[in-house]
Amino acid sequence: MRIGELAERTGTSRRLLRYYEEQGLLVPDRSANGYREYDDTLVDQVVRIRGLLAAGVPTKIIRQILPCLTEREIVQFSGTTEPILTALERERDQMSERIEFLTRNRDAITGYITAVKSQSRTGY
């Protein structure tokens, strides 16, 4: 498929798809005339990339872990160094902190909604 179709299917702009390619996150095939040709499997990959970016994971980390998220077979981990593992652990810990923060805020909002609804039923 062409870049426009991938953009439409993933809800991602063409500009972002080209950026993902520049960052080494997507590798499209090229046709004889130089047009990008995207495989159907890249739809899921773009969705994963967007989810990781939304979670605050930087592209340099995504580039390292993306093969683990897209391949169905056991991945050979080549080039994984101690600094990469440390960075991944830091990202994981920061994500856990954000999840806890969001959970507390969600629970507070739920409590507020419950209190308001309860109050409105009693006529206050």
PDB file of N, CA and C in Angstrom:
ATOM      1  N   MET A   1       0.846  -1.169   0.000  1.00  0.00           N
ATOM      2  CA  MET A   1       0.000   0.000   0.000  1.00  0.00           C
ATOM      3  C   MET A   1       0.893   1.234   0.000  1.00  0.00           C
ATOM      4  N   ARG A   2       0.353   2.330  -0.427  1.00  0.00           N
ATOM      5  CA  ARG A   2       1.079   3.592  -0.463  1.00  0.00           C
ATOM      6  C   ARG A   2       0.961   4.316   0.870  1.00  0.00           C
ATOM      7  N   ILE A   3       1.736   5.362   1.035  1.00  0.00           N
ATOM      8  CA  ILE A   3       1.792   6.094   2.291  1.00  0.00           C
ATOM      9  C   ILE A   3       0.434   6.679   2.676  1.00  0.00           C
ATOM     10  N   GLY A   4      -0.337   7.132   1.693  1.00  0.00           N
ATOM     11  CA  GLY A   4      -1.650   7.695   1.985  1.00  0.00           C
ATOM     12  C   GLY A   4      -2.595   6.683   2.603  1.00  0.00           C
ATOM     13  N   GLU A   5      -2.566   5.473   2.088  1.00  0.00           N
ATOM     14  CA  GLU A   5      -3.426   4.425   2.636  1.00  0.00           C
ATOM     15  C   GLU A   5      -2.992   4.047   4.047  1.00  0.00           C
ATOM     16  N   LEU A   6      -1.675   3.942   4.266  1.00  0.00           N
ATOM     17  CA  LEU A   6      -1.188   3.637   5.612  1.00  0.00           C
ATOM     18  C   LEU A   6      -1.578   4.753   6.577  1.00  0.00           C
ATOM     19  N   ALA A   7      -1.458   5.982   6.134  1.00  0.00           N
ATOM     20  CA  ALA A   7      -1.849   7.121   6.970  1.00  0.00           C
ATOM     21  C   ALA A   7      -3.325   7.025   7.341  1.00  0.00           C
ATOM     22  N   GLU A   8      -4.156   6.716   6.372  1.00  0.00           N
ATOM     23  CA  GLU A   8      -5.592   6.618   6.612  1.00  0.00           C
ATOM     24  C   GLU A   8      -5.920   5.455   7.540  1.00  0.00           C
ATOM     25  N   ARG A   9      -5.308   4.311   7.312  1.00  0.00           N
ATOM     26  CA  ARG A   9      -5.612   3.112   8.113  1.00  0.00           C
ATOM     27  C   ARG A   9      -5.134   3.232   9.559  1.00  0.00           C
ATOM     28  N   THR A  10      -4.116   4.059   9.798  1.00  0.00           N
ATOM     29  CA  THR A  10      -3.570   4.182  11.150  1.00  0.00           C
ATOM     30  C   THR A  10      -3.937   5.492  11.837  1.00  0.00           C
ATOM     31  N   GLY A  11      -4.558   6.410  11.096  1.00  0.00           N
ATOM     32  CA  GLY A  11      -4.876   7.711  11.679  1.00  0.00           C
ATOM     33  C   GLY A  11      -3.629   8.534  11.962  1.00  0.00           C
ATOM     34  N   THR A  12      -2.587   8.311  11.165  1.00  0.00           N
ATOM     35  CA  THR A  12      -1.296   8.978  11.339  1.00  0.00           C
ATOM     36  C   THR A  12      -1.019   9.818  10.099  1.00  0.00           C
ATOM     37  N   SER A  13      -0.483  10.997  10.296  1.00  0.00           N
ATOM     38  CA  SER A  13      -0.208  11.841   9.133  1.00  0.00           C
ATOM     39  C   SER A  13       0.948  11.270   8.308  1.00  0.00           C
ATOM     40  N   ARG A  14       0.960  11.620   7.058  1.00  0.00           N
ATOM     41  CA  ARG A  14       2.059  11.191   6.176  1.00  0.00           C
ATOM     42  C   ARG A  14       3.387  11.726   6.682  1.00  0.00           C
ATOM     43  N   ARG A  15       3.354  12.948   7.196  1.00  0.00           N
ATOM     44  CA  ARG A  15       4.576  13.564   7.721  1.00  0.00           C
ATOM     45  C   ARG A  15       5.152  12.717   8.866  1.00  0.00           C
ATOM     46  N   LEU A  16       4.281  12.256   9.775  1.00  0.00           N
ATOM     47  CA  LEU A  16       4.750  11.418  10.879  1.00  0.00           C
ATOM     48  C   LEU A  16       5.275  10.076  10.385  1.00  0.00           C
ATOM     49  N   LEU A  17       4.622   9.513   9.392  1.00  0.00           N
ATOM     50  CA  LEU A  17       5.110   8.245   8.839  1.00  0.00           C
ATOM     51  C   LEU A  17       6.508   8.415   8.247  1.00  0.00           C
ATOM     52  N   ARG A  18       6.738   9.527   7.558  1.00  0.00           N
ATOM     53  CA  ARG A  18       8.079   9.786   7.021  1.00  0.00           C
ATOM     54  C   ARG A  18       9.084   9.993   8.153  1.00  0.00           C
ATOM     55  N   TYR A  19       8.642  10.647   9.228  1.00  0.00           N
ATOM     56  CA  TYR A  19       9.507  10.829  10.399  1.00  0.00           C
ATOM     57  C   TYR A  19       9.858   9.475  11.014  1.00  0.00           C
ATOM     58  N   TYR A  20       8.871   8.591  11.152  1.00  0.00           N
ATOM     59  CA  TYR A  20       9.145   7.254  11.685  1.00  0.00           C
ATOM     60  C   TYR A  20      10.169   6.530  10.812  1.00  0.00           C
ATOM     61  N   GLU A  21      10.071   6.722   9.528  1.00  0.00           N
ATOM     62  CA  GLU A  21      11.052   6.119   8.616  1.00  0.00           C
ATOM     63  C   GLU A  21      12.434   6.715   8.853  1.00  0.00           C
ATOM     64  N   GLU A  22      12.517   8.029   8.994  1.00  0.00           N
ATOM     65  CA  GLU A  22      13.810   8.684   9.262  1.00  0.00           C
ATOM     66  C   GLU A  22      14.433   8.180  10.551  1.00  0.00           C
ATOM     67  N   GLN A  23      13.596   7.879  11.525  1.00  0.00           N
ATOM     68  CA  GLN A  23      14.076   7.400  12.820  1.00  0.00           C
ATOM     69  C   GLN A  23      14.394   5.911  12.830  1.00  0.00           C
ATOM     70  N   GLY A  24      14.157   5.242  11.708  1.00  0.00           N
ATOM     71  CA  GLY A  24      14.436   3.814  11.617  1.00  0.00           C
ATOM     72  C   GLY A  24      13.361   2.938  12.227  1.00  0.00           C
ATOM     73  N   LEU A  25      12.174   3.496  12.435  1.00  0.00           N
ATOM     74  CA  LEU A  25      11.079   2.741  13.035  1.00  0.00           C
ATOM     75  C   LEU A  25      10.237   2.014  11.991  1.00  0.00           C
ATOM     76  N   LEU A  26      10.217   2.520  10.785  1.00  0.00           N
ATOM     77  CA  LEU A  26       9.517   1.895   9.664  1.00  0.00           C
ATOM     78  C   LEU A  26      10.487   1.744   8.505  1.00  0.00           C
ATOM     79  N   VAL A  27      10.399   0.621   7.827  1.00  0.00           N
ATOM     80  CA  VAL A  27      11.241   0.404   6.653  1.00  0.00           C
ATOM     81  C   VAL A  27      10.349  -0.065   5.508  1.00  0.00           C
ATOM     82  N   PRO A  28       9.863   0.886   4.712  1.00  0.00           N
ATOM     83  CA  PRO A  28       9.028   0.494   3.577  1.00  0.00           C
ATOM     84  C   PRO A  28       9.887  -0.004   2.427  1.00  0.00           C
ATOM     85  N   ASP A  29       9.274  -0.777   1.557  1.00  0.00           N
ATOM     86  CA  ASP A  29       9.928  -1.140   0.309  1.00  0.00           C
ATOM     87  C   ASP A  29       9.831   0.063  -0.615  1.00  0.00           C
ATOM     88  N   ARG A  30      10.637   0.076  -1.663  1.00  0.00           N
ATOM     89  CA  ARG A  30      10.568   1.141  -2.665  1.00  0.00           C
ATOM     90  C   ARG A  30      10.263   0.509  -4.013  1.00  0.00           C
ATOM     91  N   SER A  31       9.321   1.105  -4.711  1.00  0.00           N
ATOM     92  CA  SER A  31       9.011   0.624  -6.059  1.00  0.00           C
ATOM     93  C   SER A  31      10.059   1.163  -7.028  1.00  0.00           C
ATOM     94  N   ALA A  32       9.997   0.728  -8.265  1.00  0.00           N
ATOM     95  CA  ALA A  32      10.971   1.144  -9.281  1.00  0.00           C
ATOM     96  C   ALA A  32      10.988   2.663  -9.465  1.00  0.00           C
ATOM     97  N   ASN A  33       9.828   3.288  -9.278  1.00  0.00           N
ATOM     98  CA  ASN A  33       9.775   4.742  -9.449  1.00  0.00           C
ATOM     99  C   ASN A  33      10.092   5.504  -8.151  1.00  0.00           C
ATOM    100  N   GLY A  34      10.472   4.775  -7.096  1.00  0.00           N
ATOM    101  CA  GLY A  34      10.881   5.408  -5.841  1.00  0.00           C
ATOM    102  C   GLY A  34       9.781   5.607  -4.815  1.00  0.00           C
ATOM    103  N   TYR A  35       8.543   5.262  -5.166  1.00  0.00           N
ATOM    104  CA  TYR A  35       7.444   5.403  -4.217  1.00  0.00           C
ATOM    105  C   TYR A  35       7.596   4.399  -3.076  1.00  0.00           C
ATOM    106  N   ARG A  36       7.207   4.834  -1.888  1.00  0.00           N
ATOM    107  CA  ARG A  36       7.209   3.937  -0.739  1.00  0.00           C
ATOM    108  C   ARG A  36       6.063   2.938  -0.892  1.00  0.00           C
ATOM    109  N   GLU A  37       6.356   1.690  -0.581  1.00  0.00           N
ATOM    110  CA  GLU A  37       5.347   0.634  -0.585  1.00  0.00           C
ATOM    111  C   GLU A  37       5.351   0.006   0.807  1.00  0.00           C
ATOM    112  N   TYR A  38       4.220   0.081   1.488  1.00  0.00           N
ATOM    113  CA  TYR A  38       4.112  -0.413   2.859  1.00  0.00           C
ATOM    114  C   TYR A  38       3.371  -1.740   2.899  1.00  0.00           C
ATOM    115  N   ASP A  39       3.931  -2.682   3.622  1.00  0.00           N
ATOM    116  CA  ASP A  39       3.325  -3.986   3.828  1.00  0.00           C
ATOM    117  C   ASP A  39       2.191  -3.847   4.840  1.00  0.00           C
ATOM    118  N   ASP A  40       1.193  -4.719   4.755  1.00  0.00           N
ATOM    119  CA  ASP A  40       0.065  -4.680   5.693  1.00  0.00           C
ATOM    120  C   ASP A  40       0.497  -4.821   7.148  1.00  0.00           C
ATOM    121  N   THR A  41       1.585  -5.535   7.395  1.00  0.00           N
ATOM    122  CA  THR A  41       2.043  -5.722   8.779  1.00  0.00           C
ATOM    123  C   THR A  41       2.477  -4.409   9.420  1.00  0.00           C
ATOM    124  N   LEU A  42       2.792  -3.408   8.599  1.00  0.00           N
ATOM    125  CA  LEU A  42       3.233  -2.135   9.150  1.00  0.00           C
ATOM    126  C   LEU A  42       2.093  -1.338   9.788  1.00  0.00           C
ATOM    127  N   VAL A  43       0.855  -1.717   9.498  1.00  0.00           N
ATOM    128  CA  VAL A  43      -0.279  -1.059  10.158  1.00  0.00           C
ATOM    129  C   VAL A  43      -0.172  -1.283  11.664  1.00  0.00           C
ATOM    130  N   ASP A  44      -0.003  -2.538  12.073  1.00  0.00           N
ATOM    131  CA  ASP A  44       0.139  -2.840  13.502  1.00  0.00           C
ATOM    132  C   ASP A  44       1.382  -2.191  14.083  1.00  0.00           C
ATOM    133  N   GLN A  45       2.452  -2.154  13.313  1.00  0.00           N
ATOM    134  CA  GLN A  45       3.691  -1.565  13.800  1.00  0.00           C
ATOM    135  C   GLN A  45       3.508  -0.065  14.067  1.00  0.00           C
ATOM    136  N   VAL A  46       2.816   0.630  13.185  1.00  0.00           N
ATOM    137  CA  VAL A  46       2.563   2.059  13.393  1.00  0.00           C
ATOM    138  C   VAL A  46       1.714   2.265  14.647  1.00  0.00           C
ATOM    139  N   VAL A  47       0.719   1.414  14.840  1.00  0.00           N
ATOM    140  CA  VAL A  47      -0.122   1.512  16.029  1.00  0.00           C
ATOM    141  C   VAL A  47       0.717   1.317  17.289  1.00  0.00           C
ATOM    142  N   ARG A  48       1.629   0.355  17.262  1.00  0.00           N
ATOM    143  CA  ARG A  48       2.520   0.127  18.410  1.00  0.00           C
ATOM    144  C   ARG A  48       3.420   1.330  18.653  1.00  0.00           C
ATOM    145  N   ILE A  49       3.981   1.859  17.590  1.00  0.00           N
ATOM    146  CA  ILE A  49       4.861   3.029  17.709  1.00  0.00           C
ATOM    147  C   ILE A  49       4.098   4.186  18.332  1.00  0.00           C
ATOM    148  N   ARG A  50       2.911   4.452  17.835  1.00  0.00           N
ATOM    149  CA  ARG A  50       2.108   5.559  18.368  1.00  0.00           C
ATOM    150  C   ARG A  50       1.779   5.354  19.836  1.00  0.00           C
ATOM    151  N   GLY A  51       1.467   4.119  20.201  1.00  0.00           N
ATOM    152  CA  GLY A  51       1.162   3.824  21.603  1.00  0.00           C
ATOM    153  C   GLY A  51       2.364   4.049  22.506  1.00  0.00           C
ATOM    154  N   LEU A  52       3.524   3.613  22.041  1.00  0.00           N
ATOM    155  CA  LEU A  52       4.742   3.809  22.835  1.00  0.00           C
ATOM    156  C   LEU A  52       5.095   5.291  22.945  1.00  0.00           C
ATOM    157  N   LEU A  53       4.952   6.019  21.850  1.00  0.00           N
ATOM    158  CA  LEU A  53       5.220   7.458  21.900  1.00  0.00           C
ATOM    159  C   LEU A  53       4.241   8.159  22.834  1.00  0.00           C
ATOM    160  N   ALA A  54       2.979   7.760  22.794  1.00  0.00           N
ATOM    161  CA  ALA A  54       1.975   8.354  23.679  1.00  0.00           C
ATOM    162  C   ALA A  54       2.284   8.063  25.146  1.00  0.00           C
ATOM    163  N   ALA A  55       2.932   6.928  25.390  1.00  0.00           N
ATOM    164  CA  ALA A  55       3.317   6.569  26.753  1.00  0.00           C
ATOM    165  C   ALA A  55       4.590   7.282  27.187  1.00  0.00           C
ATOM    166  N   GLY A  56       5.190   8.039  26.262  1.00  0.00           N
ATOM    167  CA  GLY A  56       6.381   8.800  26.616  1.00  0.00           C
ATOM    168  C   GLY A  56       7.695   8.117  26.323  1.00  0.00           C
ATOM    169  N   VAL A  57       7.662   7.021  25.602  1.00  0.00           N
ATOM    170  CA  VAL A  57       8.896   6.301  25.284  1.00  0.00           C
ATOM    171  C   VAL A  57       9.564   6.999  24.088  1.00  0.00           C
ATOM    172  N   PRO A  58      10.836   7.381  24.216  1.00  0.00           N
ATOM    173  CA  PRO A  58      11.507   8.062  23.099  1.00  0.00           C
ATOM    174  C   PRO A  58      11.799   7.117  21.936  1.00  0.00           C
ATOM    175  N   THR A  59      11.939   7.698  20.748  1.00  0.00           N
ATOM    176  CA  THR A  59      12.133   6.893  19.546  1.00  0.00           C
ATOM    177  C   THR A  59      13.391   6.046  19.617  1.00  0.00           C
ATOM    178  N   LYS A  60      14.447   6.526  20.270  1.00  0.00           N
ATOM    179  CA  LYS A  60      15.678   5.725  20.341  1.00  0.00           C
ATOM    180  C   LYS A  60      15.450   4.429  21.115  1.00  0.00           C
ATOM    181  N   ILE A  61      14.570   4.465  22.113  1.00  0.00           N
ATOM    182  CA  ILE A  61      14.237   3.251  22.864  1.00  0.00           C
ATOM    183  C   ILE A  61      13.291   2.384  22.036  1.00  0.00           C
ATOM    184  N   ILE A  62      12.320   3.017  21.387  1.00  0.00           N
ATOM    185  CA  ILE A  62      11.375   2.267  20.556  1.00  0.00           C
ATOM    186  C   ILE A  62      12.133   1.489  19.485  1.00  0.00           C
ATOM    187  N   ARG A  63      13.120   2.123  18.887  1.00  0.00           N
ATOM    188  CA  ARG A  63      13.918   1.459  17.841  1.00  0.00           C
ATOM    189  C   ARG A  63      14.570   0.192  18.388  1.00  0.00           C
ATOM    190  N   GLN A  64      14.989   0.213  19.646  1.00  0.00           N
ATOM    191  CA  GLN A  64      15.636  -0.953  20.246  1.00  0.00           C
ATOM    192  C   GLN A  64      14.645  -2.080  20.551  1.00  0.00           C
ATOM    193  N   ILE A  65      13.453  -1.718  21.014  1.00  0.00           N
ATOM    194  CA  ILE A  65      12.521  -2.756  21.466  1.00  0.00           C
ATOM    195  C   ILE A  65      11.507  -3.177  20.410  1.00  0.00           C
ATOM    196  N   LEU A  66      11.381  -2.422  19.336  1.00  0.00           N
ATOM    197  CA  LEU A  66      10.378  -2.717  18.311  1.00  0.00           C
ATOM    198  C   LEU A  66      10.479  -4.133  17.742  1.00  0.00           C
ATOM    199  N   PRO A  67      11.672  -4.641  17.469  1.00  0.00           N
ATOM    200  CA  PRO A  67      11.728  -6.024  16.961  1.00  0.00           C
ATOM    201  C   PRO A  67      11.118  -7.038  17.932  1.00  0.00           C
ATOM    202  N   CYS A  68      11.206  -6.772  19.227  1.00  0.00           N
ATOM    203  CA  CYS A  68      10.636  -7.682  20.218  1.00  0.00           C
ATOM    204  C   CYS A  68       9.114  -7.630  20.204  1.00  0.00           C
ATOM    205  N   LEU A  69       8.558  -6.530  19.748  1.00  0.00           N
ATOM    206  CA  LEU A  69       7.114  -6.344  19.762  1.00  0.00           C
ATOM    207  C   LEU A  69       6.446  -6.776  18.474  1.00  0.00           C
ATOM    208  N   THR A  70       7.220  -7.001  17.419  1.00  0.00           N
ATOM    209  CA  THR A  70       6.610  -7.276  16.126  1.00  0.00           C
ATOM    210  C   THR A  70       6.855  -8.684  15.615  1.00  0.00           C
ATOM    211  N   GLU A  71       7.859  -9.350  16.104  1.00  0.00           N
ATOM    212  CA  GLU A  71       8.162 -10.688  15.597  1.00  0.00           C
ATOM    213  C   GLU A  71       7.475 -11.735  16.455  1.00  0.00           C
ATOM    214  N   ARG A  72       6.990 -12.773  15.825  1.00  0.00           N
ATOM    215  CA  ARG A  72       6.293 -13.827  16.549  1.00  0.00           C
ATOM    216  C   ARG A  72       7.236 -14.925  17.021  1.00  0.00           C
ATOM    217  N   GLU A  73       8.417 -14.947  16.481  1.00  0.00           N
ATOM    218  CA  GLU A  73       9.369 -15.977  16.888  1.00  0.00           C
ATOM    219  C   GLU A  73      10.332 -15.402  17.918  1.00  0.00           C
ATOM    220  N   ILE A  74      11.115 -16.259  18.496  1.00  0.00           N
ATOM    221  CA  ILE A  74      12.084 -15.817  19.488  1.00  0.00           C
ATOM    222  C   ILE A  74      13.093 -14.896  18.812  1.00  0.00           C
ATOM    223  N   VAL A  75      13.328 -13.768  19.457  1.00  0.00           N
ATOM    224  CA  VAL A  75      14.213 -12.760  18.896  1.00  0.00           C
ATOM    225  C   VAL A  75      15.622 -12.964  19.437  1.00  0.00           C
ATOM    226  N   GLN A  76      16.591 -12.876  18.549  1.00  0.00           N
ATOM    227  CA  GLN A  76      17.980 -12.889  18.970  1.00  0.00           C
ATOM    228  C   GLN A  76      18.350 -11.458  19.348  1.00  0.00           C
ATOM    229  N   PHE A  77      18.747 -11.230  20.581  1.00  0.00           N
ATOM    230  CA  PHE A  77      19.046  -9.894  21.056  1.00  0.00           C
ATOM    231  C   PHE A  77      20.508  -9.572  20.801  1.00  0.00           C
ATOM    232  N   SER A  78      20.762  -8.971  19.658  1.00  0.00           N
ATOM    233  CA  SER A  78      22.126  -8.581  19.360  1.00  0.00           C
ATOM    234  C   SER A  78      22.256  -7.077  19.540  1.00  0.00           C
ATOM    235  N   GLY A  79      23.352  -6.649  20.060  1.00  0.00           N
ATOM    236  CA  GLY A  79      23.595  -5.228  20.217  1.00  0.00           C
ATOM    237  C   GLY A  79      22.979  -4.638  21.472  1.00  0.00           C
ATOM    238  N   THR A  80      22.376  -5.468  22.313  1.00  0.00           N
ATOM    239  CA  THR A  80      21.810  -4.956  23.554  1.00  0.00           C
ATOM    240  C   THR A  80      22.939  -4.827  24.567  1.00  0.00           C
ATOM    241  N   THR A  81      23.137  -3.587  24.994  1.00  0.00           N
ATOM    242  CA  THR A  81      24.218  -3.311  25.940  1.00  0.00           C
ATOM    243  C   THR A  81      23.638  -2.945  27.291  1.00  0.00           C
ATOM    244  N   GLU A  82      24.516  -2.888  28.275  1.00  0.00           N
ATOM    245  CA  GLU A  82      24.086  -2.515  29.626  1.00  0.00           C
ATOM    246  C   GLU A  82      23.429  -1.134  29.647  1.00  0.00           C
ATOM    247  N   PRO A  83      23.968  -0.137  28.942  1.00  0.00           N
ATOM    248  CA  PRO A  83      23.285   1.168  28.931  1.00  0.00           C
ATOM    249  C   PRO A  83      21.881   1.109  28.326  1.00  0.00           C
ATOM    250  N   ILE A  84      21.688   0.262  27.317  1.00  0.00           N
ATOM    251  CA  ILE A  84      20.354   0.121  26.728  1.00  0.00           C
ATOM    252  C   ILE A  84      19.409  -0.514  27.740  1.00  0.00           C
ATOM    253  N   LEU A  85      19.867  -1.560  28.411  1.00  0.00           N
ATOM    254  CA  LEU A  85      19.028  -2.197  29.426  1.00  0.00           C
ATOM    255  C   LEU A  85      18.689  -1.222  30.547  1.00  0.00           C
ATOM    256  N   THR A  86      19.663  -0.425  30.961  1.00  0.00           N
ATOM    257  CA  THR A  86      19.431   0.579  32.001  1.00  0.00           C
ATOM    258  C   THR A  86      18.393   1.598  31.541  1.00  0.00           C
ATOM    259  N   ALA A  87      18.500   2.040  30.306  1.00  0.00           N
ATOM    260  CA  ALA A  87      17.535   2.999  29.756  1.00  0.00           C
ATOM    261  C   ALA A  87      16.136   2.381  29.695  1.00  0.00           C
ATOM    262  N   LEU A  88      16.066   1.113  29.291  1.00  0.00           N
ATOM    263  CA  LEU A  88      14.771   0.434  29.229  1.00  0.00           C
ATOM    264  C   LEU A  88      14.154   0.292  30.624  1.00  0.00           C
ATOM    265  N   GLU A  89      14.975  -0.049  31.593  1.00  0.00           N
ATOM    266  CA  GLU A  89      14.473  -0.161  32.967  1.00  0.00           C
ATOM    267  C   GLU A  89      13.971   1.187  33.470  1.00  0.00           C
ATOM    268  N   ARG A  90      14.702   2.247  33.152  1.00  0.00           N
ATOM    269  CA  ARG A  90      14.291   3.594  33.558  1.00  0.00           C
ATOM    270  C   ARG A  90      12.955   3.958  32.901  1.00  0.00           C
ATOM    271  N   GLU A  91      12.825   3.669  31.599  1.00  0.00           N
ATOM    272  CA  GLU A  91      11.574   3.947  30.898  1.00  0.00           C
ATOM    273  C   GLU A  91      10.425   3.155  31.514  1.00  0.00           C
ATOM    274  N   ARG A  92      10.670   1.891  31.794  1.00  0.00           N
ATOM    275  CA  ARG A  92       9.632   1.050  32.406  1.00  0.00           C
ATOM    276  C   ARG A  92       9.203   1.619  33.753  1.00  0.00           C
ATOM    277  N   ASP A  93      10.165   2.032  34.565  1.00  0.00           N
ATOM    278  CA  ASP A  93       9.852   2.582  35.882  1.00  0.00           C
ATOM    279  C   ASP A  93       9.088   3.895  35.771  1.00  0.00           C
ATOM    280  N   GLN A  94       9.463   4.731  34.808  1.00  0.00           N
ATOM    281  CA  GLN A  94       8.746   5.990  34.604  1.00  0.00           C
ATOM    282  C   GLN A  94       7.322   5.736  34.119  1.00  0.00           C
ATOM    283  N   MET A  95       7.156   4.733  33.269  1.00  0.00           N
ATOM    284  CA  MET A  95       5.807   4.378  32.812  1.00  0.00           C
ATOM    285  C   MET A  95       4.962   3.906  33.994  1.00  0.00           C
ATOM    286  N   SER A  96       5.555   3.105  34.872  1.00  0.00           N
ATOM    287  CA  SER A  96       4.823   2.618  36.053  1.00  0.00           C
ATOM    288  C   SER A  96       4.398   3.789  36.933  1.00  0.00           C
ATOM    289  N   GLU A  97       5.280   4.767  37.105  1.00  0.00           N
ATOM    290  CA  GLU A  97       4.937   5.952  37.896  1.00  0.00           C
ATOM    291  C   GLU A  97       3.786   6.726  37.250  1.00  0.00           C
ATOM    292  N   ARG A  98       3.832   6.879  35.919  1.00  0.00           N
ATOM    293  CA  ARG A  98       2.750   7.590  35.221  1.00  0.00           C
ATOM    294  C   ARG A  98       1.432   6.826  35.349  1.00  0.00           C
ATOM    295  N   ILE A  99       1.503   5.494  35.270  1.00  0.00           N
ATOM    296  CA  ILE A  99       0.293   4.679  35.413  1.00  0.00           C
ATOM    297  C   ILE A  99      -0.301   4.869  36.803  1.00  0.00           C
ATOM    298  N   GLU A 100       0.541   4.845  37.833  1.00  0.00           N
ATOM    299  CA  GLU A 100       0.062   5.049  39.201  1.00  0.00           C
ATOM    300  C   GLU A 100      -0.561   6.436  39.353  1.00  0.00           C
ATOM    301  N   PHE A 101       0.078   7.451  38.789  1.00  0.00           N
ATOM    302  CA  PHE A 101      -0.432   8.817  38.849  1.00  0.00           C
ATOM    303  C   PHE A 101      -1.794   8.910  38.157  1.00  0.00           C
ATOM    304  N   LEU A 102      -1.895   8.336  36.957  1.00  0.00           N
ATOM    305  CA  LEU A 102      -3.156   8.356  36.224  1.00  0.00           C
ATOM    306  C   LEU A 102      -4.249   7.584  36.966  1.00  0.00           C
ATOM    307  N   THR A 103      -3.880   6.482  37.573  1.00  0.00           N
ATOM    308  CA  THR A 103      -4.849   5.683  38.321  1.00  0.00           C
ATOM    309  C   THR A 103      -5.388   6.477  39.510  1.00  0.00           C
ATOM    310  N   ARG A 104      -4.505   7.155  40.239  1.00  0.00           N
ATOM    311  CA  ARG A 104      -4.951   7.983  41.372  1.00  0.00           C
ATOM    312  C   ARG A 104      -5.891   9.087  40.892  1.00  0.00           C
ATOM    313  N   ASN A 105      -5.538   9.745  39.783  1.00  0.00           N
ATOM    314  CA  ASN A 105      -6.389  10.811  39.257  1.00  0.00           C
ATOM    315  C   ASN A 105      -7.729  10.271  38.770  1.00  0.00           C
ATOM    316  N   ARG A 106      -7.700   9.119  38.101  1.00  0.00           N
ATOM    317  CA  ARG A 106      -8.948   8.512  37.650  1.00  0.00           C
ATOM    318  C   ARG A 106      -9.845   8.193  38.838  1.00  0.00           C
ATOM    319  N   ASP A 107      -9.255   7.619  39.893  1.00  0.00           N
ATOM    320  CA  ASP A 107     -10.037   7.276  41.075  1.00  0.00           C
ATOM    321  C   ASP A 107     -10.599   8.519  41.755  1.00  0.00           C
ATOM    322  N   ALA A 108      -9.834   9.607  41.782  1.00  0.00           N
ATOM    323  CA  ALA A 108     -10.317  10.855  42.372  1.00  0.00           C
ATOM    324  C   ALA A 108     -11.487  11.411  41.571  1.00  0.00           C
ATOM    325  N   ILE A 109     -11.381  11.368  40.244  1.00  0.00           N
ATOM    326  CA  ILE A 109     -12.469  11.852  39.389  1.00  0.00           C
ATOM    327  C   ILE A 109     -13.709  10.979  39.566  1.00  0.00           C
ATOM    328  N   THR A 110     -13.509   9.675  39.648  1.00  0.00           N
ATOM    329  CA  THR A 110     -14.633   8.767  39.870  1.00  0.00           C
ATOM    330  C   THR A 110     -15.313   9.081  41.192  1.00  0.00           C
ATOM    331  N   GLY A 111     -14.523   9.324  42.226  1.00  0.00           N
ATOM    332  CA  GLY A 111     -15.094   9.690  43.532  1.00  0.00           C
ATOM    333  C   GLY A 111     -15.881  10.978  43.466  1.00  0.00           C
ATOM    334  N   TYR A 112     -15.367  11.947  42.744  1.00  0.00           N
ATOM    335  CA  TYR A 112     -16.054  13.220  42.590  1.00  0.00           C
ATOM    336  C   TYR A 112     -17.376  13.027  41.852  1.00  0.00           C
ATOM    337  N   ILE A 113     -17.348  12.283  40.746  1.00  0.00           N
ATOM    338  CA  ILE A 113     -18.565  12.024  39.974  1.00  0.00           C
ATOM    339  C   ILE A 113     -19.606  11.327  40.843  1.00  0.00           C
ATOM    340  N   THR A 114     -19.173  10.328  41.595  1.00  0.00           N
ATOM    341  CA  THR A 114     -20.081   9.590  42.477  1.00  0.00           C
ATOM    342  C   THR A 114     -20.686  10.517  43.511  1.00  0.00           C
ATOM    343  N   ALA A 115     -19.872  11.384  44.092  1.00  0.00           N
ATOM    344  CA  ALA A 115     -20.374  12.315  45.110  1.00  0.00           C
ATOM    345  C   ALA A 115     -21.381  13.295  44.520  1.00  0.00           C
ATOM    346  N   VAL A 116     -21.090  13.822  43.332  1.00  0.00           N
ATOM    347  CA  VAL A 116     -21.998  14.774  42.692  1.00  0.00           C
ATOM    348  C   VAL A 116     -23.327  14.094  42.352  1.00  0.00           C
ATOM    349  N   LYS A 117     -23.250  12.887  41.796  1.00  0.00           N
ATOM    350  CA  LYS A 117     -24.485  12.177  41.449  1.00  0.00           C
ATOM    351  C   LYS A 117     -25.296  11.849  42.703  1.00  0.00           C
ATOM    352  N   SER A 118     -24.611  11.447  43.748  1.00  0.00           N
ATOM    353  CA  SER A 118     -25.287  11.141  45.000  1.00  0.00           C
ATOM    354  C   SER A 118     -25.959  12.383  45.571  1.00  0.00           C
ATOM    355  N   GLN A 119     -25.260  13.489  45.507  1.00  0.00           N
ATOM    356  CA  GLN A 119     -25.778  14.751  46.017  1.00  0.00           C
ATOM    357  C   GLN A 119     -26.979  15.223  45.203  1.00  0.00           C
ATOM    358  N   SER A 120     -26.911  15.033  43.884  1.00  0.00           N
ATOM    359  CA  SER A 120     -28.021  15.479  43.034  1.00  0.00           C
ATOM    360  C   SER A 120     -29.269  14.633  43.238  1.00  0.00           C
ATOM    361  N   ARG A 121     -29.111  13.393  43.664  1.00  0.00           N
ATOM    362  CA  ARG A 121     -30.254  12.527  43.944  1.00  0.00           C
ATOM    363  C   ARG A 121     -30.949  12.918  45.241  1.00  0.00           C
ATOM    364  N   THR A 122     -30.177  13.496  46.148  1.00  0.00           N
ATOM    365  CA  THR A 122     -30.770  13.894  47.441  1.00  0.00           C
ATOM    366  C   THR A 122     -31.295  15.311  47.398  1.00  0.00           C
ATOM    367  N   GLY A 123     -31.096  16.020  46.270  1.00  0.00           N
ATOM    368  CA  GLY A 123     -31.687  17.327  46.108  1.00  0.00           C
ATOM    369  C   GLY A 123     -30.819  18.489  46.550  1.00  0.00           C
ATOM    370  N   TYR A 124     -29.559  18.294  46.808  1.00  0.00           N
ATOM    371  CA  TYR A 124     -28.681  19.399  47.226  1.00  0.00           C
ATOM    372  C   TYR A 124     -28.031  20.060  46.079  1.00  0.00           C
TER     373      TYR A 124
END
